[in-house]
Amino acid sequence: MFNHGGGRFVRRLSIEHMASPAKRAEKPLRKVGFVGVCAGAGSTTLALAAAEWLAGAGAAERRMAVTALELSPASGARAGSPYDQLGCDRRFAGRGFASYYRLAKDGGPLPAQPQNLSGAVNWALRVPGEGGAHPGTAGLVRLLHTLPGDMVLCDVSAALLAEGRDTARDILSGLDRILCVVDPQPSRLLASVRIMEDVRAAEARGVPVSYIVNKMSAGVNLRELTRFLALKDPVFIPALPAETIHAAEYGCRTLATEPALAEAFTQLFQPR
């Protein structure tokens, strides 16, 4: 199936994957990133849902204080931005939405308290139309390190990592854990080579990586998929019906209570 240099890719990634990662001092996994290795892998949908799931939205007790941070490129707000997916203009009507991107670009002190609480999550999302407010890679890293919460859960845009090796290294090295989101469609796998290499390089530097194969279906050739990417113990998430995704976005809500995602989050975030 994969004849476009696939054999070389398998060998290279297999070697890097089997290499012993650099030792990192044990510390809480506070800064966690859902990293889509290509556009459309579904990392945004998973990150938004995981943020509310971890915060225990709708549960009897709040689990933890979570900030959801969008990490996107300066080239402009992407189609289907998290801000719009959640309907933040409606969620925050009458009380305003603080632009963390603008605060970071201004260079002043960042607020120690959550500014955009909704659904038990502090939403540090890019506001569409604020292209001039982007703080640059250094500002994004500053947000990553200073935002409040027991966990800063990041939606890492593939377009941001594709800007260059230095950008990818700065962003991925700032994470305490990477949740690498893979789309199993062959054309998407081929488009994932570059960012997958950056993820594997971060893993070799000592950043723990877990792999998520999103949008699984009966049509996926599991043997070729795992051979091509040399995946280790991936978590599989089935493709969700379009009506489920559409209903959530029309309702300005995440998929935190979707059983398939809740099961995957339990596997990913349960104590090790």
C-alpha atoms as a PDB file:
ATOM      1  CA  MET A   1       0.000   0.000   0.000  1.00  0.00           C
ATOM      2  CA  PHE A   2       2.723   2.518   0.956  1.00  0.00           C
ATOM      3  CA  ASN A   3       5.229   2.558  -1.888  1.00  0.00           C
ATOM      4  CA  HIS A   4       6.354   6.205  -1.731  1.00  0.00           C
ATOM      5  CA  GLY A   5       9.524   5.598   0.247  1.00  0.00           C
ATOM      6  CA  GLY A   6       7.493   3.714   2.837  1.00  0.00           C
ATOM      7  CA  GLY A   7      10.157   1.081   3.502  1.00  0.00           C
ATOM      8  CA  ARG A   8      12.788   3.679   4.383  1.00  0.00           C
ATOM      9  CA  PHE A   9      10.279   5.481   6.582  1.00  0.00           C
ATOM     10  CA  VAL A  10       9.456   2.302   8.484  1.00  0.00           C
ATOM     11  CA  ARG A  11      13.094   1.530   9.185  1.00  0.00           C
ATOM     12  CA  ARG A  12      13.951   5.077  10.257  1.00  0.00           C
ATOM     13  CA  LEU A  13      11.014   5.471  12.603  1.00  0.00           C
ATOM     14  CA  SER A  14      11.446   1.976  13.989  1.00  0.00           C
ATOM     15  CA  ILE A  15      15.053   2.713  14.947  1.00  0.00           C
ATOM     16  CA  GLU A  16      14.153   6.020  16.595  1.00  0.00           C
ATOM     17  CA  HIS A  17      11.177   4.454  18.325  1.00  0.00           C
ATOM     18  CA  MET A  18      13.253   1.637  19.807  1.00  0.00           C
ATOM     19  CA  ALA A  19      16.086   3.917  20.903  1.00  0.00           C
ATOM     20  CA  SER A  20      16.241   4.610  24.628  1.00  0.00           C
ATOM     21  CA  PRO A  21      14.872   8.114  25.272  1.00  0.00           C
ATOM     22  CA  ALA A  22      16.899  10.605  27.239  1.00  0.00           C
ATOM     23  CA  LYS A  23      16.302  10.437  30.970  1.00  0.00           C
ATOM     24  CA  ARG A  24      14.084  13.187  32.381  1.00  0.00           C
ATOM     25  CA  ALA A  25      13.624  13.942  36.016  1.00  0.00           C
ATOM     26  CA  GLU A  26      10.343  12.588  37.338  1.00  0.00           C
ATOM     27  CA  LYS A  27       7.751  15.341  37.636  1.00  0.00           C
ATOM     28  CA  PRO A  28       3.986  15.709  37.375  1.00  0.00           C
ATOM     29  CA  LEU A  29       2.666  15.546  33.818  1.00  0.00           C
ATOM     30  CA  ARG A  30       1.077  18.990  33.859  1.00  0.00           C
ATOM     31  CA  LYS A  31       1.576  20.240  30.290  1.00  0.00           C
ATOM     32  CA  VAL A  32      -0.005  17.678  27.965  1.00  0.00           C
ATOM     33  CA  GLY A  33      -0.468  18.164  24.234  1.00  0.00           C
ATOM     34  CA  PHE A  34      -2.769  16.526  21.730  1.00  0.00           C
ATOM     35  CA  VAL A  35      -0.541  16.677  18.645  1.00  0.00           C
ATOM     36  CA  GLY A  36      -2.144  16.009  15.287  1.00  0.00           C
ATOM     37  CA  VAL A  37       0.473  14.728  12.853  1.00  0.00           C
ATOM     38  CA  CYS A  38      -1.502  16.068   9.887  1.00  0.00           C
ATOM     39  CA  ALA A  39      -4.373  18.465   9.286  1.00  0.00           C
ATOM     40  CA  GLY A  40      -7.713  16.880  10.054  1.00  0.00           C
ATOM     41  CA  ALA A  41      -6.421  14.133  12.347  1.00  0.00           C
ATOM     42  CA  GLY A  42      -8.940  15.181  14.999  1.00  0.00           C
ATOM     43  CA  SER A  43      -6.611  16.492  17.696  1.00  0.00           C
ATOM     44  CA  THR A  44      -8.789  19.578  18.283  1.00  0.00           C
ATOM     45  CA  THR A  45     -11.961  17.563  18.863  1.00  0.00           C
ATOM     46  CA  LEU A  46     -10.111  15.252  21.253  1.00  0.00           C
ATOM     47  CA  ALA A  47      -8.352  18.071  23.138  1.00  0.00           C
ATOM     48  CA  LEU A  48     -11.557  20.034  23.736  1.00  0.00           C
ATOM     49  CA  ALA A  49     -13.424  16.937  24.897  1.00  0.00           C
ATOM     50  CA  ALA A  50     -10.559  15.758  27.113  1.00  0.00           C
ATOM     51  CA  ALA A  51     -10.363  19.157  28.818  1.00  0.00           C
ATOM     52  CA  GLU A  52     -13.967  18.952  29.997  1.00  0.00           C
ATOM     53  CA  TRP A  53     -13.663  15.236  30.779  1.00  0.00           C
ATOM     54  CA  LEU A  54     -10.629  15.851  33.014  1.00  0.00           C
ATOM     55  CA  ALA A  55     -12.322  18.792  34.703  1.00  0.00           C
ATOM     56  CA  GLY A  56     -15.312  16.582  35.447  1.00  0.00           C
ATOM     57  CA  ALA A  57     -17.892  18.754  33.728  1.00  0.00           C
ATOM     58  CA  GLY A  58     -21.300  17.426  34.719  1.00  0.00           C
ATOM     59  CA  ALA A  59     -19.821  15.180  37.426  1.00  0.00           C
ATOM     60  CA  ALA A  60     -20.708  15.435  41.108  1.00  0.00           C
ATOM     61  CA  GLU A  61     -17.229  16.712  41.968  1.00  0.00           C
ATOM     62  CA  ARG A  62     -14.685  18.645  39.984  1.00  0.00           C
ATOM     63  CA  ARG A  63     -11.688  16.446  39.206  1.00  0.00           C
ATOM     64  CA  MET A  64      -9.010  19.054  38.529  1.00  0.00           C
ATOM     65  CA  ALA A  65      -8.478  22.629  37.397  1.00  0.00           C
ATOM     66  CA  VAL A  66      -7.840  22.487  33.645  1.00  0.00           C
ATOM     67  CA  THR A  67      -6.792  25.150  31.173  1.00  0.00           C
ATOM     68  CA  ALA A  68      -7.283  24.285  27.500  1.00  0.00           C
ATOM     69  CA  LEU A  69      -4.653  26.069  25.411  1.00  0.00           C
ATOM     70  CA  GLU A  70      -4.800  26.381  21.638  1.00  0.00           C
ATOM     71  CA  LEU A  71      -1.364  26.445  19.987  1.00  0.00           C
ATOM     72  CA  SER A  72      -1.800  27.650  16.412  1.00  0.00           C
ATOM     73  CA  PRO A  73       0.426  29.429  13.868  1.00  0.00           C
ATOM     74  CA  ALA A  74       0.701  33.134  13.170  1.00  0.00           C
ATOM     75  CA  SER A  75      -0.440  32.607   9.588  1.00  0.00           C
ATOM     76  CA  GLY A  76      -4.065  33.101  10.593  1.00  0.00           C
ATOM     77  CA  ALA A  77      -6.938  31.425  12.392  1.00  0.00           C
ATOM     78  CA  ARG A  78      -7.717  28.056  10.839  1.00  0.00           C
ATOM     79  CA  ALA A  79     -11.089  27.000   9.531  1.00  0.00           C
ATOM     80  CA  GLY A  80     -13.097  25.335  12.249  1.00  0.00           C
ATOM     81  CA  SER A  81     -11.286  27.109  15.079  1.00  0.00           C
ATOM     82  CA  PRO A  82     -11.839  25.842  18.648  1.00  0.00           C
ATOM     83  CA  TYR A  83     -13.347  29.215  19.568  1.00  0.00           C
ATOM     84  CA  ASP A  84     -16.020  28.746  16.924  1.00  0.00           C
ATOM     85  CA  GLN A  85     -16.488  25.034  17.597  1.00  0.00           C
ATOM     86  CA  LEU A  86     -17.409  25.831  21.187  1.00  0.00           C
ATOM     87  CA  GLY A  87     -19.528  28.839  20.231  1.00  0.00           C
ATOM     88  CA  CYS A  88     -17.552  31.044  22.618  1.00  0.00           C
ATOM     89  CA  ASP A  89     -19.309  34.167  21.412  1.00  0.00           C
ATOM     90  CA  ARG A  90     -22.509  32.585  22.762  1.00  0.00           C
ATOM     91  CA  ARG A  91     -20.930  30.939  25.822  1.00  0.00           C
ATOM     92  CA  PHE A  92     -19.370  34.189  26.985  1.00  0.00           C
ATOM     93  CA  ALA A  93     -22.086  36.604  25.852  1.00  0.00           C
ATOM     94  CA  GLY A  94     -22.394  39.476  28.293  1.00  0.00           C
ATOM     95  CA  ARG A  95     -19.143  38.766  30.158  1.00  0.00           C
ATOM     96  CA  GLY A  96     -16.451  38.963  27.502  1.00  0.00           C
ATOM     97  CA  PHE A  97     -13.696  36.588  26.459  1.00  0.00           C
ATOM     98  CA  ALA A  98     -10.096  37.349  27.446  1.00  0.00           C
ATOM     99  CA  SER A  99      -7.576  36.967  24.620  1.00  0.00           C
ATOM    100  CA  TYR A 100      -4.586  35.162  26.108  1.00  0.00           C
ATOM    101  CA  TYR A 101      -2.772  35.559  22.799  1.00  0.00           C
ATOM    102  CA  ARG A 102      -3.045  39.354  23.039  1.00  0.00           C
ATOM    103  CA  LEU A 103      -2.012  39.307  26.702  1.00  0.00           C
ATOM    104  CA  ALA A 104       1.079  37.252  25.818  1.00  0.00           C
ATOM    105  CA  LYS A 105       1.986  39.522  22.921  1.00  0.00           C
ATOM    106  CA  ASP A 106       1.713  42.628  25.117  1.00  0.00           C
ATOM    107  CA  GLY A 107       4.419  41.098  27.303  1.00  0.00           C
ATOM    108  CA  GLY A 108       2.933  42.039  30.652  1.00  0.00           C
ATOM    109  CA  PRO A 109       2.210  39.718  33.574  1.00  0.00           C
ATOM    110  CA  LEU A 110      -0.249  36.966  32.749  1.00  0.00           C
ATOM    111  CA  PRO A 111      -3.262  36.555  35.046  1.00  0.00           C
ATOM    112  CA  ALA A 112      -2.792  34.044  37.841  1.00  0.00           C
ATOM    113  CA  GLN A 113      -6.505  33.241  37.895  1.00  0.00           C
ATOM    114  CA  PRO A 114      -8.606  31.689  35.088  1.00  0.00           C
ATOM    115  CA  GLN A 115     -10.139  34.316  32.813  1.00  0.00           C
ATOM    116  CA  ASN A 116     -12.469  32.251  30.610  1.00  0.00           C
ATOM    117  CA  LEU A 117     -14.167  29.648  32.784  1.00  0.00           C
ATOM    118  CA  SER A 118     -16.952  27.607  31.182  1.00  0.00           C
ATOM    119  CA  GLY A 119     -17.802  23.949  31.585  1.00  0.00           C
ATOM    120  CA  ALA A 120     -15.261  23.828  34.461  1.00  0.00           C
ATOM    121  CA  VAL A 121     -12.443  24.649  32.008  1.00  0.00           C
ATOM    122  CA  ASN A 122     -10.409  27.819  31.480  1.00  0.00           C
ATOM    123  CA  TRP A 123     -10.426  28.254  27.690  1.00  0.00           C
ATOM    124  CA  ALA A 124      -7.207  29.897  26.445  1.00  0.00           C
ATOM    125  CA  LEU A 125      -8.235  29.935  22.805  1.00  0.00           C
ATOM    126  CA  ARG A 126      -7.284  32.120  19.898  1.00  0.00           C
ATOM    127  CA  VAL A 127      -9.950  34.661  19.018  1.00  0.00           C
ATOM    128  CA  PRO A 128     -10.726  34.581  15.268  1.00  0.00           C
ATOM    129  CA  GLY A 129      -9.866  37.798  13.492  1.00  0.00           C
ATOM    130  CA  GLU A 130      -7.050  38.724  15.879  1.00  0.00           C
ATOM    131  CA  GLY A 131      -4.237  37.935  13.451  1.00  0.00           C
ATOM    132  CA  GLY A 132      -2.162  40.844  14.751  1.00  0.00           C
ATOM    133  CA  ALA A 133      -2.371  39.538  18.298  1.00  0.00           C
ATOM    134  CA  HIS A 134      -0.278  36.415  17.759  1.00  0.00           C
ATOM    135  CA  PRO A 135       2.565  36.324  20.324  1.00  0.00           C
ATOM    136  CA  GLY A 136       4.962  34.231  18.222  1.00  0.00           C
ATOM    137  CA  THR A 137       6.479  30.900  19.207  1.00  0.00           C
ATOM    138  CA  ALA A 138       8.190  32.373  22.273  1.00  0.00           C
ATOM    139  CA  GLY A 139       4.867  33.794  23.464  1.00  0.00           C
ATOM    140  CA  LEU A 140       3.122  30.456  22.970  1.00  0.00           C
ATOM    141  CA  VAL A 141       5.811  28.717  25.007  1.00  0.00           C
ATOM    142  CA  ARG A 142       5.386  31.374  27.705  1.00  0.00           C
ATOM    143  CA  LEU A 143       1.650  30.666  27.819  1.00  0.00           C
ATOM    144  CA  LEU A 144       2.357  26.953  28.005  1.00  0.00           C
ATOM    145  CA  HIS A 145       4.579  27.416  31.052  1.00  0.00           C
ATOM    146  CA  THR A 146       2.601  30.057  32.953  1.00  0.00           C
ATOM    147  CA  LEU A 147      -1.126  29.449  32.493  1.00  0.00           C
ATOM    148  CA  PRO A 148      -2.979  28.436  35.680  1.00  0.00           C
ATOM    149  CA  GLY A 149      -4.376  24.996  36.420  1.00  0.00           C
ATOM    150  CA  ASP A 150      -3.519  21.518  37.616  1.00  0.00           C
ATOM    151  CA  MET A 151      -3.193  20.657  33.938  1.00  0.00           C
ATOM    152  CA  VAL A 152      -2.631  22.714  30.800  1.00  0.00           C
ATOM    153  CA  LEU A 153      -4.112  20.614  28.015  1.00  0.00           C
ATOM    154  CA  CYS A 154      -2.945  21.774  24.602  1.00  0.00           C
ATOM    155  CA  ASP A 155      -4.410  21.500  21.129  1.00  0.00           C
ATOM    156  CA  VAL A 156      -1.208  21.583  19.062  1.00  0.00           C
ATOM    157  CA  SER A 157      -1.922  22.511  15.461  1.00  0.00           C
ATOM    158  CA  ALA A 158      -0.143  20.535  12.747  1.00  0.00           C
ATOM    159  CA  ALA A 159       0.191  23.812  10.842  1.00  0.00           C
ATOM    160  CA  LEU A 160       2.188  25.305  13.729  1.00  0.00           C
ATOM    161  CA  LEU A 161       4.634  22.403  13.835  1.00  0.00           C
ATOM    162  CA  ALA A 162       4.957  22.495  10.045  1.00  0.00           C
ATOM    163  CA  GLU A 163       6.340  26.043  10.221  1.00  0.00           C
ATOM    164  CA  GLY A 164       9.829  24.690  10.885  1.00  0.00           C
ATOM    165  CA  ARG A 165      11.997  22.309  12.862  1.00  0.00           C
ATOM    166  CA  ASP A 166      12.915  24.967  15.433  1.00  0.00           C
ATOM    167  CA  THR A 167       9.263  25.787  16.105  1.00  0.00           C
ATOM    168  CA  ALA A 168       8.389  22.101  16.453  1.00  0.00           C
ATOM    169  CA  ARG A 169      11.308  21.508  18.815  1.00  0.00           C
ATOM    170  CA  ASP A 170      10.441  24.514  21.023  1.00  0.00           C
ATOM    171  CA  ILE A 171       6.763  23.552  21.290  1.00  0.00           C
ATOM    172  CA  LEU A 172       7.159  19.797  21.718  1.00  0.00           C
ATOM    173  CA  SER A 173      10.052  20.117  24.182  1.00  0.00           C
ATOM    174  CA  GLY A 174       7.889  22.357  26.354  1.00  0.00           C
ATOM    175  CA  LEU A 175       5.367  19.559  26.891  1.00  0.00           C
ATOM    176  CA  ASP A 176       5.518  17.053  29.736  1.00  0.00           C
ATOM    177  CA  ARG A 177       3.662  14.498  27.613  1.00  0.00           C
ATOM    178  CA  ILE A 178       2.648  14.176  23.963  1.00  0.00           C
ATOM    179  CA  LEU A 179      -0.557  12.477  22.851  1.00  0.00           C
ATOM    180  CA  CYS A 180       0.165  11.905  19.165  1.00  0.00           C
ATOM    181  CA  VAL A 181      -3.038  11.742  17.095  1.00  0.00           C
ATOM    182  CA  VAL A 182      -2.877   9.731  13.861  1.00  0.00           C
ATOM    183  CA  ASP A 183      -5.419   9.577  11.037  1.00  0.00           C
ATOM    184  CA  PRO A 184      -5.267   6.041   9.542  1.00  0.00           C
ATOM    185  CA  GLN A 185      -6.225   7.090   6.003  1.00  0.00           C
ATOM    186  CA  PRO A 186      -3.218   6.235   3.741  1.00  0.00           C
ATOM    187  CA  SER A 187      -2.924   9.695   2.173  1.00  0.00           C
ATOM    188  CA  ARG A 188      -3.029  11.272   5.639  1.00  0.00           C
ATOM    189  CA  LEU A 189      -0.345   8.860   6.864  1.00  0.00           C
ATOM    190  CA  LEU A 190       1.962   9.891   4.044  1.00  0.00           C
ATOM    191  CA  ALA A 191       1.324  13.547   4.937  1.00  0.00           C
ATOM    192  CA  SER A 192       2.252  12.775   8.554  1.00  0.00           C
ATOM    193  CA  VAL A 193       5.891  11.819   7.962  1.00  0.00           C
ATOM    194  CA  ARG A 194       7.474  15.172   8.803  1.00  0.00           C
ATOM    195  CA  ILE A 195       5.614  15.832  12.067  1.00  0.00           C
ATOM    196  CA  MET A 196       5.890  12.206  13.131  1.00  0.00           C
ATOM    197  CA  GLU A 197       9.665  12.581  12.845  1.00  0.00           C
ATOM    198  CA  ASP A 198       9.503  15.667  15.092  1.00  0.00           C
ATOM    199  CA  VAL A 199       7.423  13.746  17.642  1.00  0.00           C
ATOM    200  CA  ARG A 200       9.889  10.862  17.612  1.00  0.00           C
ATOM    201  CA  ALA A 201      12.764  13.313  18.066  1.00  0.00           C
ATOM    202  CA  ALA A 202      11.006  14.781  21.121  1.00  0.00           C
ATOM    203  CA  GLU A 203      10.478  11.250  22.423  1.00  0.00           C
ATOM    204  CA  ALA A 204      14.199  10.564  22.041  1.00  0.00           C
ATOM    205  CA  ARG A 205      14.868  13.715  24.101  1.00  0.00           C
ATOM    206  CA  GLY A 206      12.800  12.243  26.926  1.00  0.00           C
ATOM    207  CA  VAL A 207       9.251  13.527  26.365  1.00  0.00           C
ATOM    208  CA  PRO A 208       6.799  10.643  27.007  1.00  0.00           C
ATOM    209  CA  VAL A 209       4.632   9.898  23.965  1.00  0.00           C
ATOM    210  CA  SER A 210       1.362   7.993  23.702  1.00  0.00           C
ATOM    211  CA  TYR A 211      -0.152   7.237  20.303  1.00  0.00           C
ATOM    212  CA  ILE A 212      -3.825   7.594  19.376  1.00  0.00           C
ATOM    213  CA  VAL A 213      -5.213   6.179  16.151  1.00  0.00           C
ATOM    214  CA  ASN A 214      -8.338   8.241  15.567  1.00  0.00           C
ATOM    215  CA  LYS A 215     -11.239   7.601  13.161  1.00  0.00           C
ATOM    216  CA  MET A 216     -10.761   3.835  13.108  1.00  0.00           C
ATOM    217  CA  SER A 217     -13.097   1.759  10.953  1.00  0.00           C
ATOM    218  CA  ALA A 218     -13.349  -1.758   9.546  1.00  0.00           C
ATOM    219  CA  GLY A 219     -11.669  -0.525   6.366  1.00  0.00           C
ATOM    220  CA  VAL A 220      -8.345   0.193   8.076  1.00  0.00           C
ATOM    221  CA  ASN A 221      -5.572  -2.339   7.414  1.00  0.00           C
ATOM    222  CA  LEU A 222      -4.237  -2.529  10.957  1.00  0.00           C
ATOM    223  CA  ARG A 223      -1.126  -4.532  10.045  1.00  0.00           C
ATOM    224  CA  GLU A 224       0.020  -2.022   7.420  1.00  0.00           C
ATOM    225  CA  LEU A 225      -0.857   0.905   9.659  1.00  0.00           C
ATOM    226  CA  THR A 226       1.215  -0.277  12.617  1.00  0.00           C
ATOM    227  CA  ARG A 227       4.078  -1.426  10.363  1.00  0.00           C
ATOM    228  CA  PHE A 228       4.218   1.898   8.536  1.00  0.00           C
ATOM    229  CA  LEU A 229       4.339   4.027  11.690  1.00  0.00           C
ATOM    230  CA  ALA A 230       5.955   1.464  14.028  1.00  0.00           C
ATOM    231  CA  LEU A 231       3.371   2.307  16.670  1.00  0.00           C
ATOM    232  CA  LYS A 232       3.745   1.027  20.214  1.00  0.00           C
ATOM    233  CA  ASP A 233       0.567   0.208  22.193  1.00  0.00           C
ATOM    234  CA  PRO A 234      -1.677   2.776  20.483  1.00  0.00           C
ATOM    235  CA  VAL A 235      -5.110   3.714  21.792  1.00  0.00           C
ATOM    236  CA  PHE A 236      -7.760   3.260  19.112  1.00  0.00           C
ATOM    237  CA  ILE A 237     -10.775   5.558  18.798  1.00  0.00           C
ATOM    238  CA  PRO A 238     -13.545   4.631  16.343  1.00  0.00           C
ATOM    239  CA  ALA A 239     -14.772   7.057  13.720  1.00  0.00           C
ATOM    240  CA  LEU A 240     -17.764   8.851  15.199  1.00  0.00           C
ATOM    241  CA  PRO A 241     -20.972   9.291  13.207  1.00  0.00           C
ATOM    242  CA  ALA A 242     -21.158  12.635  11.444  1.00  0.00           C
ATOM    243  CA  GLU A 243     -24.457  13.390  13.162  1.00  0.00           C
ATOM    244  CA  THR A 244     -22.784  13.082  16.570  1.00  0.00           C
ATOM    245  CA  ILE A 245     -20.112  15.619  15.669  1.00  0.00           C
ATOM    246  CA  HIS A 246     -22.577  17.952  13.974  1.00  0.00           C
ATOM    247  CA  ALA A 247     -24.995  17.882  16.913  1.00  0.00           C
ATOM    248  CA  ALA A 248     -22.213  18.731  19.361  1.00  0.00           C
ATOM    249  CA  GLU A 249     -21.037  21.734  17.358  1.00  0.00           C
ATOM    250  CA  TYR A 250     -24.567  23.024  16.755  1.00  0.00           C
ATOM    251  CA  GLY A 251     -25.043  22.757  20.516  1.00  0.00           C
ATOM    252  CA  CYS A 252     -21.718  24.552  21.200  1.00  0.00           C
ATOM    253  CA  ARG A 253     -20.475  21.660  23.319  1.00  0.00           C
ATOM    254  CA  THR A 254     -17.608  19.201  23.376  1.00  0.00           C
ATOM    255  CA  LEU A 255     -17.834  15.415  23.078  1.00  0.00           C
ATOM    256  CA  ALA A 256     -16.678  14.884  26.667  1.00  0.00           C
ATOM    257  CA  THR A 257     -19.552  12.523  27.455  1.00  0.00           C
ATOM    258  CA  GLU A 258     -19.272  10.461  24.257  1.00  0.00           C
ATOM    259  CA  PRO A 259     -18.666   6.870  25.500  1.00  0.00           C
ATOM    260  CA  ALA A 260     -15.960   6.021  22.950  1.00  0.00           C
ATOM    261  CA  LEU A 261     -13.945   9.115  23.881  1.00  0.00           C
ATOM    262  CA  ALA A 262     -14.487   8.666  27.619  1.00  0.00           C
ATOM    263  CA  GLU A 263     -13.143   5.119  27.318  1.00  0.00           C
ATOM    264  CA  ALA A 264     -10.070   6.343  25.443  1.00  0.00           C
ATOM    265  CA  PHE A 265      -9.427   9.129  27.959  1.00  0.00           C
ATOM    266  CA  THR A 266      -9.632   6.616  30.795  1.00  0.00           C
ATOM    267  CA  GLN A 267      -6.874   4.599  29.119  1.00  0.00           C
ATOM    268  CA  LEU A 268      -4.749   7.669  28.422  1.00  0.00           C
ATOM    269  CA  PHE A 269      -5.063   9.424  31.774  1.00  0.00           C
ATOM    270  CA  GLN A 270      -5.404   6.603  34.272  1.00  0.00           C
ATOM    271  CA  PRO A 271      -2.542   6.450  36.808  1.00  0.00           C
ATOM    272  CA  ARG A 272       0.424   4.497  35.512  1.00  0.00           C
END
